[in-house]
């Protein structure tokens, strides 16, 4: 019997592409998209869609029962920049959504859960270069605090109740298919829109601020391959990495393709968040446990982004 999968938060940056990829693999009718708002046209038209408030557990259970769901990908979150503007709302949504899904999994209604963590769990005391899987974790942002708490709750439900819950610590993610949703790494998507439309971009981070990034296809493949991997006895929120760059380095890579492109800098409050995050990630554990490997490098990503956006802008 094929798995029946529910994506909660299917209208977001990751959720949109995750739905489409999972439908390719498992079939359109076996992957149910859901969100509190309408999503991408292709998502809405290619398979089932449910309007769903993830803070309402009874509504979630109704959708699970209706579609006989066995796996849930919980992609809902208020991201770093927006979370700093409204800490209580971010905490309530990020935690309530996770608790609802973990409780339903504890009761045996859901068999397998994916919940995304983030490099935001790391803080200013964390080693910045090749940040280890296990290291000092003291986040200094609302988003990071909620992700660290989430990791701990996932570990608790795994050890105490045997819940099959799996996680990745995503770096900054780059895609041309959906617009970014309020993260500190959003410049690495915005820059491509501006490069095509205006041949210039003013970055909200300082030119030398290096952060770990990843092309969305790699993130989606990592997510699905983790869910298909053999079950571990314990819970790990895996580091995954691809490439790291600064705004200046990304601008230079774009300039190779658009020679007239120019770049300026006007750092804002997001700079303070970025300074607490790693510059590069050690993902040895993910490679060892389930064969993780990124496929797309910086230059490939730049070419793909520019080509893709030429058809959408």
C-alpha atoms as a PDB file:
ATOM      1  CA  UNK A   1       0.000   0.000   0.000  1.00  0.00           C
ATOM      2  CA  UNK A   2       1.409   3.401  -1.011  1.00  0.00           C
ATOM      3  CA  UNK A   3       2.177   5.947   1.680  1.00  0.00           C
ATOM      4  CA  UNK A   4      -0.356   8.740   2.049  1.00  0.00           C
ATOM      5  CA  UNK A   5       1.521  11.952   2.766  1.00  0.00           C
ATOM      6  CA  UNK A   6       0.325  15.289   4.145  1.00  0.00           C
ATOM      7  CA  UNK A   7       2.411  18.438   3.652  1.00  0.00           C
ATOM      8  CA  UNK A   8       1.411  21.117   6.159  1.00  0.00           C
ATOM      9  CA  UNK A   9       2.634  24.526   5.035  1.00  0.00           C
ATOM     10  CA  UNK A  10       2.541  23.634   1.347  1.00  0.00           C
ATOM     11  CA  UNK A  11       2.313  27.273   0.230  1.00  0.00           C
ATOM     12  CA  UNK A  12       5.722  28.201   1.630  1.00  0.00           C
ATOM     13  CA  UNK A  13       9.120  28.309  -0.055  1.00  0.00           C
ATOM     14  CA  UNK A  14      10.071  24.719   0.780  1.00  0.00           C
ATOM     15  CA  UNK A  15       6.569  23.263   0.913  1.00  0.00           C
ATOM     16  CA  UNK A  16       5.680  24.212  -2.653  1.00  0.00           C
ATOM     17  CA  UNK A  17       8.572  22.354  -4.242  1.00  0.00           C
ATOM     18  CA  UNK A  18       8.388  19.491  -1.759  1.00  0.00           C
ATOM     19  CA  UNK A  19       4.783  18.773  -2.734  1.00  0.00           C
ATOM     20  CA  UNK A  20       5.587  18.686  -6.447  1.00  0.00           C
ATOM     21  CA  UNK A  21       8.596  16.404  -5.979  1.00  0.00           C
ATOM     22  CA  UNK A  22       6.726  13.999  -3.704  1.00  0.00           C
ATOM     23  CA  UNK A  23       3.857  13.829  -6.184  1.00  0.00           C
ATOM     24  CA  UNK A  24       6.324  12.838  -8.899  1.00  0.00           C
ATOM     25  CA  UNK A  25       7.534   9.994  -6.694  1.00  0.00           C
ATOM     26  CA  UNK A  26       4.370   8.770  -4.960  1.00  0.00           C
ATOM     27  CA  UNK A  27       1.606   9.921  -7.294  1.00  0.00           C
ATOM     28  CA  UNK A  28      -0.574  13.041  -7.185  1.00  0.00           C
ATOM     29  CA  UNK A  29      -3.419  11.486  -5.199  1.00  0.00           C
ATOM     30  CA  UNK A  30      -1.091  10.167  -2.485  1.00  0.00           C
ATOM     31  CA  UNK A  31       0.355  13.579  -1.559  1.00  0.00           C
ATOM     32  CA  UNK A  32      -2.082  16.003   0.047  1.00  0.00           C
ATOM     33  CA  UNK A  33      -1.051  19.660   0.199  1.00  0.00           C
ATOM     34  CA  UNK A  34      -2.408  21.857   2.993  1.00  0.00           C
ATOM     35  CA  UNK A  35      -2.039  25.407   4.229  1.00  0.00           C
ATOM     36  CA  UNK A  36      -4.032  28.216   5.784  1.00  0.00           C
ATOM     37  CA  UNK A  37      -3.769  30.093   2.480  1.00  0.00           C
ATOM     38  CA  UNK A  38      -3.874  29.263  -1.211  1.00  0.00           C
ATOM     39  CA  UNK A  39      -0.643  28.173  -2.771  1.00  0.00           C
ATOM     40  CA  UNK A  40       1.159  27.750  -6.056  1.00  0.00           C
ATOM     41  CA  UNK A  41      -1.158  27.104  -9.016  1.00  0.00           C
ATOM     42  CA  UNK A  42       0.592  23.864  -9.911  1.00  0.00           C
ATOM     43  CA  UNK A  43       0.263  22.587  -6.331  1.00  0.00           C
ATOM     44  CA  UNK A  44      -3.425  23.466  -6.207  1.00  0.00           C
ATOM     45  CA  UNK A  45      -4.195  21.896  -9.598  1.00  0.00           C
ATOM     46  CA  UNK A  46      -2.036  18.769  -9.610  1.00  0.00           C
ATOM     47  CA  UNK A  47      -3.490  17.031  -6.562  1.00  0.00           C
ATOM     48  CA  UNK A  48      -5.564  17.276  -3.371  1.00  0.00           C
ATOM     49  CA  UNK A  49      -5.405  20.473  -1.323  1.00  0.00           C
ATOM     50  CA  UNK A  50      -6.901  21.182   2.110  1.00  0.00           C
ATOM     51  CA  UNK A  51      -7.210  24.508   3.886  1.00  0.00           C
ATOM     52  CA  UNK A  52      -5.823  23.758   7.346  1.00  0.00           C
ATOM     53  CA  UNK A  53      -5.052  25.668  10.539  1.00  0.00           C
ATOM     54  CA  UNK A  54      -2.175  23.731  12.075  1.00  0.00           C
ATOM     55  CA  UNK A  55      -2.903  25.171  15.529  1.00  0.00           C
ATOM     56  CA  UNK A  56      -6.245  23.300  15.584  1.00  0.00           C
ATOM     57  CA  UNK A  57      -5.555  19.663  16.444  1.00  0.00           C
ATOM     58  CA  UNK A  58      -9.080  18.443  15.732  1.00  0.00           C
ATOM     59  CA  UNK A  59      -8.932  19.974  12.239  1.00  0.00           C
ATOM     60  CA  UNK A  60      -5.625  18.226  11.597  1.00  0.00           C
ATOM     61  CA  UNK A  61      -7.063  14.895  12.724  1.00  0.00           C
ATOM     62  CA  UNK A  62     -10.062  15.367  10.454  1.00  0.00           C
ATOM     63  CA  UNK A  63      -7.752  15.759   7.439  1.00  0.00           C
ATOM     64  CA  UNK A  64      -5.612  12.809   8.543  1.00  0.00           C
ATOM     65  CA  UNK A  65      -8.689  10.586   8.843  1.00  0.00           C
ATOM     66  CA  UNK A  66     -10.230  11.814   5.588  1.00  0.00           C
ATOM     67  CA  UNK A  67      -7.156  10.950   3.516  1.00  0.00           C
ATOM     68  CA  UNK A  68      -5.845   8.032   5.632  1.00  0.00           C
ATOM     69  CA  UNK A  69      -2.518   9.823   6.100  1.00  0.00           C
ATOM     70  CA  UNK A  70       0.530   7.880   7.293  1.00  0.00           C
ATOM     71  CA  UNK A  71       3.300  10.509   6.966  1.00  0.00           C
ATOM     72  CA  UNK A  72       3.370  14.231   7.745  1.00  0.00           C
ATOM     73  CA  UNK A  73       5.886  16.862   6.651  1.00  0.00           C
ATOM     74  CA  UNK A  74       5.371  19.830   8.993  1.00  0.00           C
ATOM     75  CA  UNK A  75       6.784  22.805   7.063  1.00  0.00           C
ATOM     76  CA  UNK A  76       5.040  25.598   8.999  1.00  0.00           C
ATOM     77  CA  UNK A  77       7.136  28.271  10.735  1.00  0.00           C
ATOM     78  CA  UNK A  78       7.484  31.983  11.304  1.00  0.00           C
ATOM     79  CA  UNK A  79      11.035  32.690  10.113  1.00  0.00           C
ATOM     80  CA  UNK A  80      13.870  34.636  11.687  1.00  0.00           C
ATOM     81  CA  UNK A  81      13.215  38.245  10.676  1.00  0.00           C
ATOM     82  CA  UNK A  82       9.456  38.176  11.226  1.00  0.00           C
ATOM     83  CA  UNK A  83       9.890  36.236  14.481  1.00  0.00           C
ATOM     84  CA  UNK A  84      12.033  39.043  15.911  1.00  0.00           C
ATOM     85  CA  UNK A  85       9.190  41.466  15.237  1.00  0.00           C
ATOM     86  CA  UNK A  86       6.617  39.357  17.082  1.00  0.00           C
ATOM     87  CA  UNK A  87       8.344  36.866  19.405  1.00  0.00           C
ATOM     88  CA  UNK A  88       5.250  35.573  21.181  1.00  0.00           C
ATOM     89  CA  UNK A  89       3.316  34.893  17.979  1.00  0.00           C
ATOM     90  CA  UNK A  90       6.331  33.115  16.473  1.00  0.00           C
ATOM     91  CA  UNK A  91       6.825  30.972  19.568  1.00  0.00           C
ATOM     92  CA  UNK A  92       3.145  30.059  19.755  1.00  0.00           C
ATOM     93  CA  UNK A  93       2.848  29.043  16.098  1.00  0.00           C
ATOM     94  CA  UNK A  94       6.186  27.256  15.855  1.00  0.00           C
ATOM     95  CA  UNK A  95       5.616  25.277  19.063  1.00  0.00           C
ATOM     96  CA  UNK A  96       1.852  24.640  18.876  1.00  0.00           C
ATOM     97  CA  UNK A  97       2.129  23.220  15.373  1.00  0.00           C
ATOM     98  CA  UNK A  98       4.888  20.824  16.433  1.00  0.00           C
ATOM     99  CA  UNK A  99       3.109  19.708  19.611  1.00  0.00           C
ATOM    100  CA  UNK A 100      -0.068  18.958  17.680  1.00  0.00           C
ATOM    101  CA  UNK A 101       1.757  16.713  15.223  1.00  0.00           C
ATOM    102  CA  UNK A 102       3.905  14.995  17.868  1.00  0.00           C
ATOM    103  CA  UNK A 103       0.837  14.243  19.979  1.00  0.00           C
ATOM    104  CA  UNK A 104      -1.004  12.754  17.007  1.00  0.00           C
ATOM    105  CA  UNK A 105       2.081  10.654  16.233  1.00  0.00           C
ATOM    106  CA  UNK A 106       2.329   9.559  19.870  1.00  0.00           C
ATOM    107  CA  UNK A 107      -1.272   8.334  19.620  1.00  0.00           C
ATOM    108  CA  UNK A 108      -0.346   6.247  16.579  1.00  0.00           C
ATOM    109  CA  UNK A 109      -2.423   8.306  14.140  1.00  0.00           C
ATOM    110  CA  UNK A 110       0.715   9.410  12.229  1.00  0.00           C
ATOM    111  CA  UNK A 111       3.451   6.844  11.533  1.00  0.00           C
ATOM    112  CA  UNK A 112       6.298   9.123  10.409  1.00  0.00           C
ATOM    113  CA  UNK A 113       7.005  12.859  10.815  1.00  0.00           C
ATOM    114  CA  UNK A 114       9.417  15.272   9.171  1.00  0.00           C
ATOM    115  CA  UNK A 115      10.062  18.531  11.025  1.00  0.00           C
ATOM    116  CA  UNK A 116      12.605  21.059   9.731  1.00  0.00           C
ATOM    117  CA  UNK A 117      15.184  22.627  11.983  1.00  0.00           C
ATOM    118  CA  UNK A 118      17.702  25.272  10.945  1.00  0.00           C
ATOM    119  CA  UNK A 119      21.228  26.607  11.305  1.00  0.00           C
ATOM    120  CA  UNK A 120      19.463  29.221  13.464  1.00  0.00           C
ATOM    121  CA  UNK A 121      19.830  26.798  16.411  1.00  0.00           C
ATOM    122  CA  UNK A 122      23.486  27.811  16.510  1.00  0.00           C
ATOM    123  CA  UNK A 123      24.519  30.999  18.244  1.00  0.00           C
ATOM    124  CA  UNK A 124      27.453  33.371  18.726  1.00  0.00           C
ATOM    125  CA  UNK A 125      29.311  30.838  20.909  1.00  0.00           C
ATOM    126  CA  UNK A 126      29.148  28.095  18.263  1.00  0.00           C
ATOM    127  CA  UNK A 127      32.292  27.424  16.173  1.00  0.00           C
ATOM    128  CA  UNK A 128      31.653  29.259  12.898  1.00  0.00           C
ATOM    129  CA  UNK A 129      33.777  27.197  10.519  1.00  0.00           C
ATOM    130  CA  UNK A 130      32.730  23.613   9.766  1.00  0.00           C
ATOM    131  CA  UNK A 131      30.188  23.814  12.567  1.00  0.00           C
ATOM    132  CA  UNK A 132      30.029  20.291  14.057  1.00  0.00           C
ATOM    133  CA  UNK A 133      26.939  18.123  14.387  1.00  0.00           C
ATOM    134  CA  UNK A 134      27.296  18.196  18.172  1.00  0.00           C
ATOM    135  CA  UNK A 135      28.552  21.489  19.546  1.00  0.00           C
ATOM    136  CA  UNK A 136      27.677  24.483  21.725  1.00  0.00           C
ATOM    137  CA  UNK A 137      24.096  25.450  20.887  1.00  0.00           C
ATOM    138  CA  UNK A 138      22.911  28.701  22.450  1.00  0.00           C
ATOM    139  CA  UNK A 139      20.754  30.568  19.917  1.00  0.00           C
ATOM    140  CA  UNK A 140      20.192  34.288  20.344  1.00  0.00           C
ATOM    141  CA  UNK A 141      17.122  34.726  18.113  1.00  0.00           C
ATOM    142  CA  UNK A 142      13.454  33.881  18.640  1.00  0.00           C
ATOM    143  CA  UNK A 143      13.484  31.598  15.613  1.00  0.00           C
ATOM    144  CA  UNK A 144      16.613  29.806  16.792  1.00  0.00           C
ATOM    145  CA  UNK A 145      15.236  29.371  20.304  1.00  0.00           C
ATOM    146  CA  UNK A 146      12.059  27.806  18.928  1.00  0.00           C
ATOM    147  CA  UNK A 147      14.041  25.473  16.655  1.00  0.00           C
ATOM    148  CA  UNK A 148      16.297  24.323  19.503  1.00  0.00           C
ATOM    149  CA  UNK A 149      13.259  23.721  21.707  1.00  0.00           C
ATOM    150  CA  UNK A 150      11.667  21.813  18.840  1.00  0.00           C
ATOM    151  CA  UNK A 151      14.729  19.587  18.455  1.00  0.00           C
ATOM    152  CA  UNK A 152      14.597  18.787  22.152  1.00  0.00           C
ATOM    153  CA  UNK A 153      10.883  17.998  22.036  1.00  0.00           C
ATOM    154  CA  UNK A 154      11.384  15.740  19.020  1.00  0.00           C
ATOM    155  CA  UNK A 155      14.120  13.879  20.898  1.00  0.00           C
ATOM    156  CA  UNK A 156      11.819  13.553  23.911  1.00  0.00           C
ATOM    157  CA  UNK A 157       8.902  12.124  21.924  1.00  0.00           C
ATOM    158  CA  UNK A 158      11.262   9.749  20.141  1.00  0.00           C
ATOM    159  CA  UNK A 159      12.851   8.399  23.339  1.00  0.00           C
ATOM    160  CA  UNK A 160       9.725   8.351  25.529  1.00  0.00           C
ATOM    161  CA  UNK A 161       7.009   7.349  23.051  1.00  0.00           C
ATOM    162  CA  UNK A 162       8.915   5.894  20.096  1.00  0.00           C
ATOM    163  CA  UNK A 163       7.692   8.558  17.667  1.00  0.00           C
ATOM    164  CA  UNK A 164       9.421   8.310  14.276  1.00  0.00           C
ATOM    165  CA  UNK A 165      10.361  11.973  13.780  1.00  0.00           C
ATOM    166  CA  UNK A 166      13.189  13.145  11.528  1.00  0.00           C
ATOM    167  CA  UNK A 167      14.847  16.528  11.057  1.00  0.00           C
ATOM    168  CA  UNK A 168      17.384  18.511   9.068  1.00  0.00           C
ATOM    169  CA  UNK A 169      19.093  21.747  10.002  1.00  0.00           C
ATOM    170  CA  UNK A 170      18.548  23.658   6.772  1.00  0.00           C
ATOM    171  CA  UNK A 171      21.018  26.356   5.737  1.00  0.00           C
ATOM    172  CA  UNK A 172      19.810  29.306   3.649  1.00  0.00           C
ATOM    173  CA  UNK A 173      17.748  27.954   0.745  1.00  0.00           C
ATOM    174  CA  UNK A 174      17.705  29.373  -2.770  1.00  0.00           C
ATOM    175  CA  UNK A 175      14.947  28.852  -5.346  1.00  0.00           C
ATOM    176  CA  UNK A 176      13.331  30.715  -8.233  1.00  0.00           C
ATOM    177  CA  UNK A 177       9.967  28.930  -7.996  1.00  0.00           C
ATOM    178  CA  UNK A 178       8.717  30.660  -4.834  1.00  0.00           C
ATOM    179  CA  UNK A 179       9.511  33.965  -3.166  1.00  0.00           C
ATOM    180  CA  UNK A 180      11.289  34.009   0.214  1.00  0.00           C
ATOM    181  CA  UNK A 181       9.285  34.303   3.402  1.00  0.00           C
ATOM    182  CA  UNK A 182      11.054  36.534   5.910  1.00  0.00           C
ATOM    183  CA  UNK A 183      14.423  34.929   6.566  1.00  0.00           C
ATOM    184  CA  UNK A 184      17.853  36.418   7.129  1.00  0.00           C
ATOM    185  CA  UNK A 185      19.234  34.656   4.039  1.00  0.00           C
ATOM    186  CA  UNK A 186      16.491  36.034   1.748  1.00  0.00           C
ATOM    187  CA  UNK A 187      18.970  38.374   0.043  1.00  0.00           C
ATOM    188  CA  UNK A 188      20.376  35.369  -1.809  1.00  0.00           C
ATOM    189  CA  UNK A 189      17.030  35.012  -3.605  1.00  0.00           C
ATOM    190  CA  UNK A 190      16.082  38.701  -3.873  1.00  0.00           C
ATOM    191  CA  UNK A 191      19.381  39.507  -5.579  1.00  0.00           C
ATOM    192  CA  UNK A 192      18.472  37.448  -8.652  1.00  0.00           C
ATOM    193  CA  UNK A 193      15.139  39.227  -9.163  1.00  0.00           C
ATOM    194  CA  UNK A 194      16.854  42.609  -8.934  1.00  0.00           C
ATOM    195  CA  UNK A 195      19.767  41.541 -11.142  1.00  0.00           C
ATOM    196  CA  UNK A 196      17.359  40.690 -13.950  1.00  0.00           C
ATOM    197  CA  UNK A 197      14.942  43.614 -13.490  1.00  0.00           C
ATOM    198  CA  UNK A 198      17.284  46.458 -12.529  1.00  0.00           C
ATOM    199  CA  UNK A 199      20.828  45.168 -13.033  1.00  0.00           C
ATOM    200  CA  UNK A 200      21.598  46.275  -9.472  1.00  0.00           C
ATOM    201  CA  UNK A 201      20.916  45.253  -5.880  1.00  0.00           C
ATOM    202  CA  UNK A 202      21.379  46.832  -2.450  1.00  0.00           C
ATOM    203  CA  UNK A 203      22.050  44.104   0.100  1.00  0.00           C
ATOM    204  CA  UNK A 204      20.844  44.249   3.704  1.00  0.00           C
ATOM    205  CA  UNK A 205      23.952  42.352   4.883  1.00  0.00           C
ATOM    206  CA  UNK A 206      27.568  43.509   4.870  1.00  0.00           C
ATOM    207  CA  UNK A 207      29.572  42.445   1.827  1.00  0.00           C
ATOM    208  CA  UNK A 208      31.784  39.969   3.678  1.00  0.00           C
ATOM    209  CA  UNK A 209      29.084  38.140   5.665  1.00  0.00           C
ATOM    210  CA  UNK A 210      29.599  34.460   4.837  1.00  0.00           C
ATOM    211  CA  UNK A 211      26.671  32.086   5.413  1.00  0.00           C
ATOM    212  CA  UNK A 212      25.993  28.462   4.444  1.00  0.00           C
ATOM    213  CA  UNK A 213      23.525  28.125   1.573  1.00  0.00           C
ATOM    214  CA  UNK A 214      21.921  25.438  -0.564  1.00  0.00           C
ATOM    215  CA  UNK A 215      20.023  25.196  -3.820  1.00  0.00           C
ATOM    216  CA  UNK A 216      16.443  24.086  -3.188  1.00  0.00           C
ATOM    217  CA  UNK A 217      16.671  20.888  -5.252  1.00  0.00           C
ATOM    218  CA  UNK A 218      19.380  19.618  -2.922  1.00  0.00           C
ATOM    219  CA  UNK A 219      17.326  20.489   0.159  1.00  0.00           C
ATOM    220  CA  UNK A 220      14.281  18.670  -1.224  1.00  0.00           C
ATOM    221  CA  UNK A 221      16.348  15.614  -2.122  1.00  0.00           C
ATOM    222  CA  UNK A 222      17.921  15.611   1.357  1.00  0.00           C
ATOM    223  CA  UNK A 223      14.497  15.783   2.975  1.00  0.00           C
ATOM    224  CA  UNK A 224      13.029  12.909   1.001  1.00  0.00           C
ATOM    225  CA  UNK A 225      16.119  10.694   1.254  1.00  0.00           C
ATOM    226  CA  UNK A 226      16.170  11.158   5.033  1.00  0.00           C
ATOM    227  CA  UNK A 227      12.532  10.102   5.245  1.00  0.00           C
ATOM    228  CA  UNK A 228      13.303   7.029   3.118  1.00  0.00           C
ATOM    229  CA  UNK A 229      16.403   6.085   5.163  1.00  0.00           C
ATOM    230  CA  UNK A 230      16.492   3.334   7.767  1.00  0.00           C
ATOM    231  CA  UNK A 231      15.149   4.377  11.156  1.00  0.00           C
ATOM    232  CA  UNK A 232      17.720   5.231  13.825  1.00  0.00           C
ATOM    233  CA  UNK A 233      17.292   4.246  17.458  1.00  0.00           C
ATOM    234  CA  UNK A 234      17.759   7.858  18.516  1.00  0.00           C
ATOM    235  CA  UNK A 235      16.730  11.269  17.169  1.00  0.00           C
ATOM    236  CA  UNK A 236      19.213  13.465  15.291  1.00  0.00           C
ATOM    237  CA  UNK A 237      18.573  16.810  13.665  1.00  0.00           C
ATOM    238  CA  UNK A 238      21.157  16.516  10.910  1.00  0.00           C
ATOM    239  CA  UNK A 239      23.522  19.200   9.721  1.00  0.00           C
ATOM    240  CA  UNK A 240      23.483  19.442   5.934  1.00  0.00           C
ATOM    241  CA  UNK A 241      25.688  21.714   3.845  1.00  0.00           C
ATOM    242  CA  UNK A 242      26.366  22.588   0.237  1.00  0.00           C
ATOM    243  CA  UNK A 243      28.331  25.828  -0.271  1.00  0.00           C
ATOM    244  CA  UNK A 244      29.055  29.041   1.591  1.00  0.00           C
ATOM    245  CA  UNK A 245      29.451  32.550   0.207  1.00  0.00           C
ATOM    246  CA  UNK A 246      29.249  36.218   1.071  1.00  0.00           C
ATOM    247  CA  UNK A 247      27.028  38.787  -0.676  1.00  0.00           C
ATOM    248  CA  UNK A 248      30.140  40.089  -2.439  1.00  0.00           C
ATOM    249  CA  UNK A 249      31.010  36.619  -3.742  1.00  0.00           C
ATOM    250  CA  UNK A 250      27.456  35.994  -4.928  1.00  0.00           C
ATOM    251  CA  UNK A 251      27.404  39.382  -6.647  1.00  0.00           C
ATOM    252  CA  UNK A 252      30.648  38.522  -8.447  1.00  0.00           C
ATOM    253  CA  UNK A 253      29.197  35.198  -9.623  1.00  0.00           C
ATOM    254  CA  UNK A 254      26.132  36.992 -10.986  1.00  0.00           C
ATOM    255  CA  UNK A 255      28.314  39.609 -12.678  1.00  0.00           C
ATOM    256  CA  UNK A 256      29.961  36.816 -14.701  1.00  0.00           C
ATOM    257  CA  UNK A 257      26.559  36.236 -16.292  1.00  0.00           C
ATOM    258  CA  UNK A 258      25.297  39.867 -16.265  1.00  0.00           C
ATOM    259  CA  UNK A 259      28.395  42.080 -16.736  1.00  0.00           C
ATOM    260  CA  UNK A 260      26.524  45.357 -16.077  1.00  0.00           C
ATOM    261  CA  UNK A 261      25.289  44.164 -12.651  1.00  0.00           C
ATOM    262  CA  UNK A 262      26.261  46.383  -9.712  1.00  0.00           C
ATOM    263  CA  UNK A 263      25.971  45.837  -5.987  1.00  0.00           C
ATOM    264  CA  UNK A 264      25.558  48.117  -2.990  1.00  0.00           C
ATOM    265  CA  UNK A 265      25.243  47.490   0.743  1.00  0.00           C
ATOM    266  CA  UNK A 266      22.968  48.911   3.414  1.00  0.00           C
ATOM    267  CA  UNK A 267      23.095  46.593   6.440  1.00  0.00           C
ATOM    268  CA  UNK A 268      20.047  46.527   8.717  1.00  0.00           C
ATOM    269  CA  UNK A 269      18.933  44.508  11.762  1.00  0.00           C
ATOM    270  CA  UNK A 270      19.325  41.262   9.813  1.00  0.00           C
ATOM    271  CA  UNK A 271      23.087  41.742   9.961  1.00  0.00           C
ATOM    272  CA  UNK A 272      22.999  41.147  13.715  1.00  0.00           C
ATOM    273  CA  UNK A 273      21.166  37.856  13.194  1.00  0.00           C
ATOM    274  CA  UNK A 274      23.556  36.711  10.471  1.00  0.00           C
ATOM    275  CA  UNK A 275      26.566  37.364  12.681  1.00  0.00           C
ATOM    276  CA  UNK A 276      25.355  34.713  15.146  1.00  0.00           C
ATOM    277  CA  UNK A 277      25.157  31.963  12.518  1.00  0.00           C
ATOM    278  CA  UNK A 278      27.835  29.616  11.116  1.00  0.00           C
ATOM    279  CA  UNK A 279      29.911  30.303   8.010  1.00  0.00           C
ATOM    280  CA  UNK A 280      30.147  26.643   6.979  1.00  0.00           C
ATOM    281  CA  UNK A 281      28.667  23.329   8.075  1.00  0.00           C
ATOM    282  CA  UNK A 282      30.186  19.930   8.865  1.00  0.00           C
ATOM    283  CA  UNK A 283      27.643  17.395   7.576  1.00  0.00           C
ATOM    284  CA  UNK A 284      29.783  14.272   7.990  1.00  0.00           C
ATOM    285  CA  UNK A 285      27.141  12.557  10.118  1.00  0.00           C
ATOM    286  CA  UNK A 286      24.472  12.876   7.411  1.00  0.00           C
ATOM    287  CA  UNK A 287      26.882  11.555   4.787  1.00  0.00           C
ATOM    288  CA  UNK A 288      27.768   8.601   6.989  1.00  0.00           C
ATOM    289  CA  UNK A 289      24.246   7.703   8.121  1.00  0.00           C
ATOM    290  CA  UNK A 290      22.251   7.999   4.902  1.00  0.00           C
ATOM    291  CA  UNK A 291      24.584   8.986   2.072  1.00  0.00           C
ATOM    292  CA  UNK A 292      23.770  12.698   1.906  1.00  0.00           C
ATOM    293  CA  UNK A 293      25.585  14.678  -0.781  1.00  0.00           C
ATOM    294  CA  UNK A 294      24.809  18.051  -2.341  1.00  0.00           C
ATOM    295  CA  UNK A 295      24.819  18.088  -6.147  1.00  0.00           C
ATOM    296  CA  UNK A 296      24.701  21.793  -7.060  1.00  0.00           C
ATOM    297  CA  UNK A 297      27.643  24.195  -6.670  1.00  0.00           C
ATOM    298  CA  UNK A 298      27.591  27.990  -6.578  1.00  0.00           C
ATOM    299  CA  UNK A 299      28.166  28.647 -10.290  1.00  0.00           C
ATOM    300  CA  UNK A 300      25.571  26.044 -11.328  1.00  0.00           C
ATOM    301  CA  UNK A 301      23.078  27.580  -8.923  1.00  0.00           C
ATOM    302  CA  UNK A 302      23.607  31.091 -10.297  1.00  0.00           C
ATOM    303  CA  UNK A 303      23.082  29.984 -13.902  1.00  0.00           C
ATOM    304  CA  UNK A 304      19.983  27.960 -13.002  1.00  0.00           C
ATOM    305  CA  UNK A 305      18.466  30.818 -11.001  1.00  0.00           C
ATOM    306  CA  UNK A 306      18.987  33.386 -13.770  1.00  0.00           C
ATOM    307  CA  UNK A 307      17.650  31.069 -16.460  1.00  0.00           C
ATOM    308  CA  UNK A 308      14.644  30.103 -14.361  1.00  0.00           C
ATOM    309  CA  UNK A 309      13.698  33.661 -13.445  1.00  0.00           C
ATOM    310  CA  UNK A 310      13.954  34.895 -17.042  1.00  0.00           C
ATOM    311  CA  UNK A 311      10.801  32.870 -17.689  1.00  0.00           C
ATOM    312  CA  UNK A 312       8.899  33.994 -14.559  1.00  0.00           C
ATOM    313  CA  UNK A 313       9.621  37.720 -14.155  1.00  0.00           C
END
